[in-house]
Amino acid sequence: MSTLDTTVSMIQKCTEDELQVVQQVIRQFFLNRGPHTTTKKQFLEELQISRGQHQGGQSQEAGEALAELRAKYGL
């Protein structure tokens, strides 16, 4: 399953309240990044870091992450 398919599947399973929380988190993430554009080189470097973290077991299944968000925000 592709990342896009997984994302769409997760969104379809969310309630309206859960989607509001997800949108809040995303907005906060982008606000914290500031008015910053990413070059292709920077994007590829961040992607390589992300892949390394995944291979090193530093990632989390989407269902687990969503469950943590639900618990954290009481959803």
C-alpha atoms as a PDB file:
ATOM      1  CA  MET A   1       0.000   0.000   0.000  1.00  0.00           C
ATOM      2  CA  SER A   2       1.381   3.393  -0.951  1.00  0.00           C
ATOM      3  CA  THR A   3       1.786   6.285   1.453  1.00  0.00           C
ATOM      4  CA  LEU A   4      -1.051   8.078  -0.295  1.00  0.00           C
ATOM      5  CA  ASP A   5      -3.347   5.056   0.010  1.00  0.00           C
ATOM      6  CA  THR A   6      -2.488   4.711   3.696  1.00  0.00           C
ATOM      7  CA  THR A   7      -3.109   8.407   4.329  1.00  0.00           C
ATOM      8  CA  VAL A   8      -6.461   8.356   2.559  1.00  0.00           C
ATOM      9  CA  SER A   9      -7.451   5.211   4.454  1.00  0.00           C
ATOM     10  CA  MET A  10      -6.580   6.841   7.790  1.00  0.00           C
ATOM     11  CA  ILE A  11      -8.497  10.007   6.932  1.00  0.00           C
ATOM     12  CA  GLN A  12     -11.566   8.016   5.941  1.00  0.00           C
ATOM     13  CA  LYS A  13     -11.574   6.306   9.343  1.00  0.00           C
ATOM     14  CA  CYS A  14     -11.305   9.549  11.320  1.00  0.00           C
ATOM     15  CA  THR A  15     -14.245  11.323  12.862  1.00  0.00           C
ATOM     16  CA  GLU A  16     -14.741  15.029  12.211  1.00  0.00           C
ATOM     17  CA  ASP A  17     -13.273  15.830  15.644  1.00  0.00           C
ATOM     18  CA  GLU A  18     -10.201  13.712  14.932  1.00  0.00           C
ATOM     19  CA  LEU A  19      -9.713  15.426  11.598  1.00  0.00           C
ATOM     20  CA  GLN A  20      -9.833  18.809  13.331  1.00  0.00           C
ATOM     21  CA  VAL A  21      -7.047  17.682  15.686  1.00  0.00           C
ATOM     22  CA  VAL A  22      -4.964  16.396  12.792  1.00  0.00           C
ATOM     23  CA  GLN A  23      -5.402  19.691  10.952  1.00  0.00           C
ATOM     24  CA  GLN A  24      -4.370  21.606  14.077  1.00  0.00           C
ATOM     25  CA  VAL A  25      -1.208  19.542  14.425  1.00  0.00           C
ATOM     26  CA  ILE A  26      -0.352  20.026  10.751  1.00  0.00           C
ATOM     27  CA  ARG A  27      -0.920  23.788  10.959  1.00  0.00           C
ATOM     28  CA  GLN A  28       1.286  24.011  14.039  1.00  0.00           C
ATOM     29  CA  PHE A  29       4.000  22.001  12.312  1.00  0.00           C
ATOM     30  CA  PHE A  30       4.075  24.357   9.360  1.00  0.00           C
ATOM     31  CA  LEU A  31       3.895  27.470  11.551  1.00  0.00           C
ATOM     32  CA  ASN A  32       6.928  26.245  13.479  1.00  0.00           C
ATOM     33  CA  ARG A  33       8.884  25.755  10.267  1.00  0.00           C
ATOM     34  CA  GLY A  34       8.512  29.413   9.379  1.00  0.00           C
ATOM     35  CA  PRO A  35       8.544  30.948   5.914  1.00  0.00           C
ATOM     36  CA  HIS A  36      11.079  28.477   4.634  1.00  0.00           C
ATOM     37  CA  THR A  37      11.314  26.877   1.230  1.00  0.00           C
ATOM     38  CA  THR A  38      13.083  23.590   0.785  1.00  0.00           C
ATOM     39  CA  THR A  39      15.497  23.008  -2.050  1.00  0.00           C
ATOM     40  CA  LYS A  40      15.603  19.694  -3.856  1.00  0.00           C
ATOM     41  CA  LYS A  41      18.906  18.909  -2.129  1.00  0.00           C
ATOM     42  CA  GLN A  42      17.455  19.676   1.327  1.00  0.00           C
ATOM     43  CA  PHE A  43      14.352  17.613   0.578  1.00  0.00           C
ATOM     44  CA  LEU A  44      16.444  14.626  -0.485  1.00  0.00           C
ATOM     45  CA  GLU A  45      18.654  14.982   2.613  1.00  0.00           C
ATOM     46  CA  GLU A  46      15.571  15.002   4.865  1.00  0.00           C
ATOM     47  CA  LEU A  47      14.206  12.000   2.993  1.00  0.00           C
ATOM     48  CA  GLN A  48      17.474  10.108   3.540  1.00  0.00           C
ATOM     49  CA  ILE A  49      17.340  10.921   7.269  1.00  0.00           C
ATOM     50  CA  SER A  50      13.743   9.719   7.385  1.00  0.00           C
ATOM     51  CA  ARG A  51      14.611   6.465   5.648  1.00  0.00           C
ATOM     52  CA  GLY A  52      17.494   5.919   8.047  1.00  0.00           C
ATOM     53  CA  GLN A  53      15.209   6.483  11.024  1.00  0.00           C
ATOM     54  CA  HIS A  54      12.709   4.007   9.592  1.00  0.00           C
ATOM     55  CA  GLN A  55      15.402   1.388   9.011  1.00  0.00           C
ATOM     56  CA  GLY A  56      16.714   1.999  12.530  1.00  0.00           C
ATOM     57  CA  GLY A  57      13.319   1.268  14.042  1.00  0.00           C
ATOM     58  CA  GLN A  58      12.653   4.879  14.987  1.00  0.00           C
ATOM     59  CA  SER A  59       9.336   5.017  13.171  1.00  0.00           C
ATOM     60  CA  GLN A  60       5.836   4.161  14.274  1.00  0.00           C
ATOM     61  CA  GLU A  61       2.907   2.482  12.573  1.00  0.00           C
ATOM     62  CA  ALA A  62       0.209   4.961  11.560  1.00  0.00           C
ATOM     63  CA  GLY A  63      -2.455   3.160  13.602  1.00  0.00           C
ATOM     64  CA  GLU A  64      -0.332   3.391  16.737  1.00  0.00           C
ATOM     65  CA  ALA A  65       0.382   7.071  16.151  1.00  0.00           C
ATOM     66  CA  LEU A  66      -3.312   7.773  15.625  1.00  0.00           C
ATOM     67  CA  ALA A  67      -4.184   5.857  18.797  1.00  0.00           C
ATOM     68  CA  GLU A  68      -1.689   7.988  20.738  1.00  0.00           C
ATOM     69  CA  LEU A  69      -3.206  11.185  19.324  1.00  0.00           C
ATOM     70  CA  ARG A  70      -6.677   9.970  20.276  1.00  0.00           C
ATOM     71  CA  ALA A  71      -5.538   9.205  23.815  1.00  0.00           C
ATOM     72  CA  LYS A  72      -3.607  12.471  24.131  1.00  0.00           C
ATOM     73  CA  TYR A  73      -6.512  14.628  22.992  1.00  0.00           C
ATOM     74  CA  GLY A  74      -9.278  12.524  24.509  1.00  0.00           C
ATOM     75  CA  LEU A  75     -10.899  11.526  21.244  1.00  0.00           C
END
